[in-house]
Amino acid sequence: MEQIAFGETGRSTTRLGFGCSSLMGAMSRRESLAVLDWAYDAGIRHFDVAPMYGYGEAESCLGEFLQGHRSQVTVTSKYGILPPKNTSLLSAARRFAVPLVKKLPGFKERIARTAKAVTRTAEKASFTPGQAKASLERSLAALRTGHIDLWLLHDVSVADLNDDSLLSFLDEEVQRGRIGSFGVGSGGAEISDLLVERAAYCRVVQYEWSVLKGERKLEGALTGTAFRIHHRSLANAFRMLGDALNNDKERCRRWSDSTKTDLGDPRGLARLMLKAAFVMNPGSVVLFSSKNPRHIQTNVDVADDPSLEAPAKELYRLAQAEREQLFASGRGQARYPYL
């Protein structure tokens, strides 16, 4: 796979990265480790995790995987959304829930809602050096590593960054070698404001991107600045665009002709939407998450396939040109407010 310089970390990594948000959820530790092995064997060398992923256990799971691969891969972890307080209770509950979900799939949504309620915390990260240091040390211990390549301030806003000593702490940790670089991960509107008002924190910016995104303010703020990482190029956007095209056969036919791809086939649409994230964001890392080895390999193939570049650009052009008409009824905006 294509490798690029990973921001200011001094390392290189693959442009396609694996998001670990689904680890240790409805999967056992053994199954989660198998997913990580599939991603690595397919050629992926970047892994993105956070303390709150997997009900607080994803970092530990990734840490076990890293024992055989640390020098070959890059890792992002985060600080800002606090990990759940009930990890021991959740561990016991998962041992019961995972087999039940496999036998009775209808319980999956109910169990997910219950787990979300249990993991909810009223405490919000204070974005102070003391709390940041404690979080970094917990992540280093869970990941079983002496350094994290990239450490992001998770779901942060301008209003959160009022303590200038936090920036000094981050710079000191880079000098100590415990983090390779740092940045911010948040929504597009927050990233725009951070780039303007807290640029020193924005060595790296991580945010959602899809062919449906309309982020003119953000694009202007990004000119000539931070290294970028993108996620959710498919997810809700894929479902939304797929529904819109299925409900408008004439547009689907016209777009399919223009891209020379059958966009009525979900596989064709997904391939072009993912490829567009690479083509329209050169030099960036694109994250995805999957529990399916076939899907993981397909995404790797898409990242490496130059024949998809022109049709992916055309899909992006069409989506941006007709974005308002696609969802003129307002139902799309109501259902998918991130657009």
Protein backbone atom coordinates (compact mmCIF):
# COMPACT_ATOMS: atom_id res chain seq x y z
CA MET A 1 0.00 0.00 0.00
CA GLU A 2 1.00 3.61 -0.56
CA GLN A 3 2.86 5.10 2.39
CA ILE A 4 3.11 8.78 3.32
CA ALA A 5 4.90 10.83 5.96
CA PHE A 6 2.72 10.77 9.07
CA GLY A 7 2.58 14.45 9.89
CA GLU A 8 5.45 15.60 12.10
CA THR A 9 5.89 12.25 13.84
CA GLY A 10 9.00 11.35 11.85
CA ARG A 11 7.36 8.12 10.73
CA SER A 12 5.55 6.97 7.60
CA THR A 13 2.33 5.02 7.42
CA THR A 14 -0.32 3.79 5.01
CA ARG A 15 -2.93 6.17 3.66
CA LEU A 16 -5.64 3.73 4.68
CA GLY A 17 -5.99 3.40 8.43
CA PHE A 18 -8.11 1.15 10.62
CA GLY A 19 -10.50 2.63 13.18
CA CYS A 20 -10.77 0.54 16.33
CA SER A 21 -14.12 1.87 17.58
CA SER A 22 -15.86 -1.47 17.01
CA LEU A 23 -13.34 -3.58 18.94
CA MET A 24 -14.52 -5.24 22.14
CA GLY A 25 -18.12 -4.20 21.54
CA ALA A 26 -20.23 -7.11 20.31
CA MET A 27 -17.02 -9.10 19.82
CA SER A 28 -14.88 -11.08 22.21
CA ARG A 29 -11.21 -10.23 22.73
CA ARG A 30 -10.18 -13.16 20.53
CA GLU A 31 -12.47 -11.98 17.73
CA SER A 32 -11.24 -8.39 18.10
CA LEU A 33 -7.62 -9.52 17.85
CA ALA A 34 -8.50 -11.51 14.72
CA VAL A 35 -9.93 -8.35 13.13
CA LEU A 36 -6.70 -6.49 13.85
CA ASP A 37 -4.71 -9.34 12.31
CA TRP A 38 -6.89 -9.23 9.17
CA ALA A 39 -6.26 -5.50 8.79
CA TYR A 40 -2.51 -5.92 9.27
CA ASP A 41 -2.29 -8.88 6.89
CA ALA A 42 -4.17 -6.87 4.26
CA GLY A 43 -1.43 -4.22 4.42
CA ILE A 44 -2.83 -1.59 6.79
CA ARG A 45 -0.24 0.00 9.06
CA HIS A 46 -2.16 2.72 10.91
CA PHE A 47 -4.55 2.08 13.81
CA ASP A 48 -6.79 4.67 15.47
CA VAL A 49 -8.13 4.11 18.98
CA ALA A 50 -9.42 6.05 22.01
CA PRO A 51 -9.85 5.31 25.73
CA MET A 52 -13.65 5.23 25.43
CA TYR A 53 -13.76 2.82 22.47
CA GLY A 54 -14.96 -0.71 23.11
CA TYR A 55 -16.54 0.34 26.40
CA GLY A 56 -13.07 1.22 27.65
CA GLU A 57 -11.26 -1.94 26.48
CA ALA A 58 -10.20 -1.21 22.89
CA GLU A 59 -6.84 0.31 23.87
CA SER A 60 -5.96 -2.78 25.89
CA CYS A 61 -6.93 -5.05 23.01
CA LEU A 62 -4.87 -3.02 20.53
CA GLY A 63 -2.01 -3.07 23.05
CA GLU A 64 -1.98 -6.87 22.97
CA PHE A 65 -1.88 -6.81 19.17
CA LEU A 66 0.96 -4.27 19.19
CA GLN A 67 3.29 -6.62 21.06
CA GLY A 68 4.18 -8.31 17.79
CA HIS A 69 3.89 -5.30 15.49
CA ARG A 70 4.78 -2.05 17.28
CA SER A 71 7.72 -1.04 15.08
CA GLN A 72 5.75 -1.71 11.88
CA VAL A 73 2.64 0.35 12.67
CA THR A 74 1.58 3.84 13.72
CA VAL A 75 -0.99 4.49 16.42
CA THR A 76 -3.34 7.36 17.21
CA SER A 77 -5.01 7.62 20.57
CA LYS A 78 -6.92 10.47 22.16
CA TYR A 79 -7.73 12.52 25.22
CA GLY A 80 -10.96 14.38 25.88
CA ILE A 81 -13.86 11.92 26.01
CA LEU A 82 -13.36 10.16 29.30
CA PRO A 83 -13.37 6.35 29.48
CA PRO A 84 -16.30 4.62 31.22
CA LYS A 85 -16.14 4.17 34.97
CA ASN A 86 -17.74 0.73 35.01
CA THR A 87 -15.26 -1.35 33.02
CA SER A 88 -15.26 -4.30 35.45
CA LEU A 89 -19.05 -4.48 35.32
CA LEU A 90 -18.99 -4.21 31.55
CA SER A 91 -16.39 -6.97 31.22
CA ALA A 92 -18.60 -9.36 33.16
CA ALA A 93 -21.69 -8.28 31.23
CA ARG A 94 -19.94 -8.77 27.88
CA ARG A 95 -19.06 -12.37 28.68
CA PHE A 96 -22.78 -12.96 29.04
CA ALA A 97 -24.02 -10.67 26.26
CA VAL A 98 -21.76 -11.63 23.33
CA PRO A 99 -22.97 -15.27 23.07
CA LEU A 100 -26.55 -14.09 23.58
CA VAL A 101 -26.31 -11.60 20.70
CA LYS A 102 -25.02 -14.34 18.39
CA LYS A 103 -27.94 -16.59 19.24
CA LEU A 104 -30.57 -13.83 19.37
CA PRO A 105 -29.53 -10.98 17.03
CA GLY A 106 -32.69 -9.07 17.90
CA PHE A 107 -31.24 -8.31 21.32
CA LYS A 108 -28.22 -6.53 19.86
CA GLU A 109 -29.78 -3.06 19.69
CA ARG A 110 -31.26 -3.37 23.19
CA ILE A 111 -27.94 -4.46 24.65
CA ALA A 112 -26.14 -1.63 22.86
CA ARG A 113 -28.54 0.91 24.37
CA THR A 114 -28.02 -0.55 27.83
CA ALA A 115 -24.23 -0.51 27.46
CA LYS A 116 -24.33 3.10 26.31
CA ALA A 117 -26.33 4.06 29.38
CA VAL A 118 -23.90 2.23 31.68
CA THR A 119 -20.82 3.85 30.09
CA ARG A 120 -22.23 7.37 30.08
CA THR A 121 -20.23 9.67 32.33
CA ALA A 122 -21.21 13.06 33.69
CA GLU A 123 -17.57 14.09 33.99
CA LYS A 124 -16.18 16.04 31.05
CA ALA A 125 -12.50 16.30 30.27
CA SER A 126 -11.14 19.56 31.63
CA PHE A 127 -8.31 19.86 29.08
CA THR A 128 -5.78 20.71 31.79
CA PRO A 129 -2.18 19.44 31.96
CA GLY A 130 -2.91 17.34 35.06
CA GLN A 131 -5.85 15.50 33.57
CA ALA A 132 -4.10 15.20 30.21
CA LYS A 133 -1.02 13.65 31.84
CA ALA A 134 -3.13 11.10 33.71
CA SER A 135 -4.97 10.17 30.51
CA LEU A 136 -1.74 9.83 28.53
CA GLU A 137 -0.21 7.56 31.14
CA ARG A 138 -3.33 5.36 31.20
CA SER A 139 -3.23 5.06 27.41
CA LEU A 140 0.48 4.23 27.34
CA ALA A 141 -0.07 1.51 29.93
CA ALA A 142 -3.12 0.07 28.14
CA LEU A 143 -1.33 0.09 24.79
CA ARG A 144 1.81 -1.41 26.36
CA THR A 145 4.05 1.02 24.55
CA GLY A 146 6.47 3.78 25.43
CA HIS A 147 5.13 6.20 22.86
CA ILE A 148 2.00 7.06 20.92
CA ASP A 149 2.66 8.35 17.42
CA LEU A 150 -0.23 10.80 17.40
CA TRP A 151 -2.27 12.06 20.34
CA LEU A 152 -5.46 13.95 19.55
CA LEU A 153 -7.60 16.21 21.70
CA HIS A 154 -10.89 14.38 21.22
CA ASP A 155 -14.14 16.27 20.56
CA VAL A 156 -12.50 19.55 21.56
CA SER A 157 -13.71 23.10 20.91
CA VAL A 158 -12.14 26.55 21.16
CA ALA A 159 -13.88 27.11 24.49
CA ASP A 160 -12.17 24.02 25.96
CA LEU A 161 -8.66 25.35 25.31
CA ASN A 162 -8.31 28.16 27.83
CA ASP A 163 -5.33 26.79 29.74
CA ASP A 164 -2.17 27.72 27.84
CA SER A 165 -0.11 25.36 29.97
CA LEU A 166 -1.77 22.44 28.16
CA LEU A 167 0.07 23.42 24.98
CA SER A 168 3.35 23.52 26.91
CA PHE A 169 2.59 20.06 28.29
CA LEU A 170 1.98 18.69 24.78
CA ASP A 171 5.23 20.20 23.49
CA GLU A 172 7.12 18.73 26.44
CA GLU A 173 5.69 15.26 25.77
CA VAL A 174 6.84 15.51 22.15
CA GLN A 175 10.34 16.43 23.38
CA ARG A 176 10.26 13.50 25.82
CA GLY A 177 9.28 11.17 22.98
CA ARG A 178 6.10 9.91 24.63
CA ILE A 179 4.04 11.32 21.75
CA GLY A 180 5.23 11.83 18.21
CA SER A 181 2.89 14.72 17.48
CA PHE A 182 -0.49 16.07 18.58
CA GLY A 183 -3.60 17.62 17.10
CA VAL A 184 -7.36 17.91 17.36
CA GLY A 185 -10.24 15.67 16.39
CA SER A 186 -13.72 17.15 16.27
CA GLY A 187 -16.57 18.19 13.97
CA GLY A 188 -15.98 20.30 10.89
CA ALA A 189 -17.36 23.52 12.40
CA GLU A 190 -15.20 23.12 15.51
CA ILE A 191 -12.12 22.36 13.40
CA SER A 192 -12.65 25.57 11.38
CA ASP A 193 -12.74 27.66 14.56
CA LEU A 194 -9.79 25.83 16.10
CA LEU A 195 -7.65 26.44 13.01
CA VAL A 196 -8.36 30.16 13.26
CA GLU A 197 -8.27 30.68 17.03
CA ARG A 198 -6.13 27.83 18.39
CA ALA A 199 -3.84 27.05 15.46
CA ALA A 200 -0.94 25.98 17.71
CA TYR A 201 -2.91 22.90 18.73
CA CYS A 202 -3.72 21.97 15.13
CA ARG A 203 -0.60 20.22 13.88
CA VAL A 204 -3.01 17.46 12.83
CA VAL A 205 -6.76 17.74 12.30
CA GLN A 206 -9.08 14.73 12.18
CA TYR A 207 -12.69 15.11 11.08
CA GLU A 208 -15.48 13.54 9.03
CA TRP A 209 -15.35 13.80 5.25
CA SER A 210 -17.63 12.38 2.57
CA VAL A 211 -18.66 13.29 -0.96
CA LEU A 212 -21.77 14.90 0.56
CA LYS A 213 -19.91 17.25 2.87
CA GLY A 214 -20.17 20.98 2.23
CA GLU A 215 -17.39 22.56 4.26
CA ARG A 216 -16.37 25.77 2.45
CA LYS A 217 -15.43 27.53 5.70
CA LEU A 218 -13.28 24.59 6.76
CA GLU A 219 -11.61 24.31 3.36
CA GLY A 220 -10.61 27.96 3.56
CA ALA A 221 -9.18 27.59 7.05
CA LEU A 222 -7.18 24.52 6.03
CA THR A 223 -5.26 26.16 3.18
CA GLY A 224 -1.58 25.40 3.61
CA THR A 225 -1.90 24.13 7.19
CA ALA A 226 -2.35 20.93 9.17
CA PHE A 227 -1.89 17.30 8.28
CA ARG A 228 -5.33 15.75 7.84
CA ILE A 229 -7.00 12.50 8.82
CA HIS A 230 -10.54 11.72 7.68
CA HIS A 231 -13.16 9.25 8.81
CA ARG A 232 -16.78 8.25 8.09
CA SER A 233 -16.40 8.55 4.31
CA LEU A 234 -19.11 5.88 4.10
CA ALA A 235 -21.33 5.16 7.15
CA ASN A 236 -24.37 7.48 7.21
CA ALA A 237 -23.37 9.25 4.00
CA PHE A 238 -23.35 5.94 2.11
CA ARG A 239 -26.81 5.01 3.36
CA MET A 240 -28.17 8.47 2.64
CA LEU A 241 -26.78 8.74 -0.89
CA GLY A 242 -27.76 5.16 -1.68
CA ASP A 243 -31.35 5.84 -0.60
CA ALA A 244 -31.46 9.06 -2.60
CA LEU A 245 -30.26 7.37 -5.79
CA ASN A 246 -32.57 4.39 -5.35
CA ASN A 247 -35.50 6.79 -5.00
CA ASP A 248 -34.57 8.72 -8.14
CA LYS A 249 -33.95 6.22 -10.93
CA GLU A 250 -33.31 8.89 -13.56
CA ARG A 251 -30.58 10.52 -11.49
CA CYS A 252 -29.10 7.12 -10.67
CA ARG A 253 -28.96 6.26 -14.39
CA ARG A 254 -27.43 9.64 -15.28
CA TRP A 255 -24.80 9.45 -12.53
CA SER A 256 -24.00 5.84 -13.41
CA ASP A 257 -23.44 6.82 -17.04
CA SER A 258 -21.26 9.76 -16.03
CA THR A 259 -19.09 7.73 -13.63
CA LYS A 260 -19.17 4.58 -15.78
CA THR A 261 -20.17 2.70 -12.63
CA ASP A 262 -23.45 1.07 -11.67
CA LEU A 263 -24.35 3.25 -8.69
CA GLY A 264 -27.50 1.23 -8.14
CA ASP A 265 -25.16 -1.51 -6.92
CA PRO A 266 -24.16 -0.67 -3.32
CA ARG A 267 -20.72 -2.13 -3.90
CA GLY A 268 -20.01 0.21 -6.79
CA LEU A 269 -21.22 3.24 -4.86
CA ALA A 270 -19.20 2.33 -1.77
CA ARG A 271 -16.03 1.86 -3.77
CA LEU A 272 -16.29 5.29 -5.40
CA MET A 273 -17.23 7.06 -2.17
CA LEU A 274 -14.20 5.62 -0.39
CA LYS A 275 -11.89 6.31 -3.32
CA ALA A 276 -13.11 9.91 -3.45
CA ALA A 277 -11.83 10.41 0.09
CA PHE A 278 -8.32 9.56 -1.13
CA VAL A 279 -8.50 11.46 -4.42
CA MET A 280 -10.02 14.65 -3.03
CA ASN A 281 -7.74 14.71 0.03
CA PRO A 282 -4.24 13.99 -1.28
CA GLY A 283 -1.59 13.34 1.33
CA SER A 284 -4.10 12.53 4.06
CA VAL A 285 -4.96 9.36 5.98
CA VAL A 286 -8.44 7.88 5.51
CA LEU A 287 -9.89 5.74 8.31
CA PHE A 288 -12.51 3.02 8.12
CA SER A 289 -13.79 0.33 10.44
CA SER A 290 -15.05 -3.15 9.63
CA LYS A 291 -15.39 -6.56 11.28
CA ASN A 292 -15.49 -8.39 7.94
CA PRO A 293 -12.20 -9.65 6.42
CA ARG A 294 -13.63 -9.46 2.90
CA HIS A 295 -14.65 -5.83 3.38
CA ILE A 296 -11.24 -5.01 4.84
CA GLN A 297 -9.49 -6.47 1.79
CA THR A 298 -11.89 -4.72 -0.59
CA ASN A 299 -11.11 -1.35 0.99
CA VAL A 300 -7.39 -1.99 0.66
CA ASP A 301 -7.91 -2.85 -3.02
CA VAL A 302 -9.89 0.36 -3.53
CA ALA A 303 -7.12 2.45 -1.97
CA ASP A 304 -4.58 0.92 -4.36
CA ASP A 305 -6.68 1.00 -7.56
CA PRO A 306 -5.77 3.95 -9.86
CA SER A 307 -8.56 3.08 -12.32
CA LEU A 308 -11.10 4.35 -9.75
CA GLU A 309 -9.63 7.85 -9.54
CA ALA A 310 -11.50 9.46 -12.46
CA PRO A 311 -14.94 8.02 -11.64
CA ALA A 312 -14.45 8.92 -7.95
CA LYS A 313 -13.71 12.53 -8.90
CA GLU A 314 -16.82 12.57 -11.08
CA LEU A 315 -18.97 11.20 -8.26
CA TYR A 316 -17.70 13.97 -5.98
CA ARG A 317 -18.43 16.60 -8.63
CA LEU A 318 -21.97 15.32 -9.13
CA ALA A 319 -22.66 15.04 -5.40
CA GLN A 320 -21.47 18.58 -4.73
CA ALA A 321 -23.28 20.06 -7.75
CA GLU A 322 -26.61 18.39 -6.93
CA ARG A 323 -26.35 18.10 -3.17
CA GLU A 324 -29.17 20.54 -2.42
CA GLN A 325 -31.53 18.95 -4.98
CA LEU A 326 -30.79 15.47 -3.61
CA PHE A 327 -32.14 16.37 -0.21
CA ALA A 328 -34.39 19.32 -1.02
CA SER A 329 -37.28 17.83 0.96
CA GLY A 330 -35.39 18.44 4.19
CA ARG A 331 -35.83 14.83 5.31
CA GLY A 332 -32.17 14.14 4.65
CA GLN A 333 -30.99 17.05 6.73
CA ALA A 334 -33.29 16.04 9.57
CA ARG A 335 -32.13 12.44 9.53
CA TYR A 336 -28.45 13.20 8.90
CA PRO A 337 -27.79 16.60 10.49
CA TYR A 338 -24.00 16.20 10.09
CA LEU A 339 -24.45 17.21 6.44
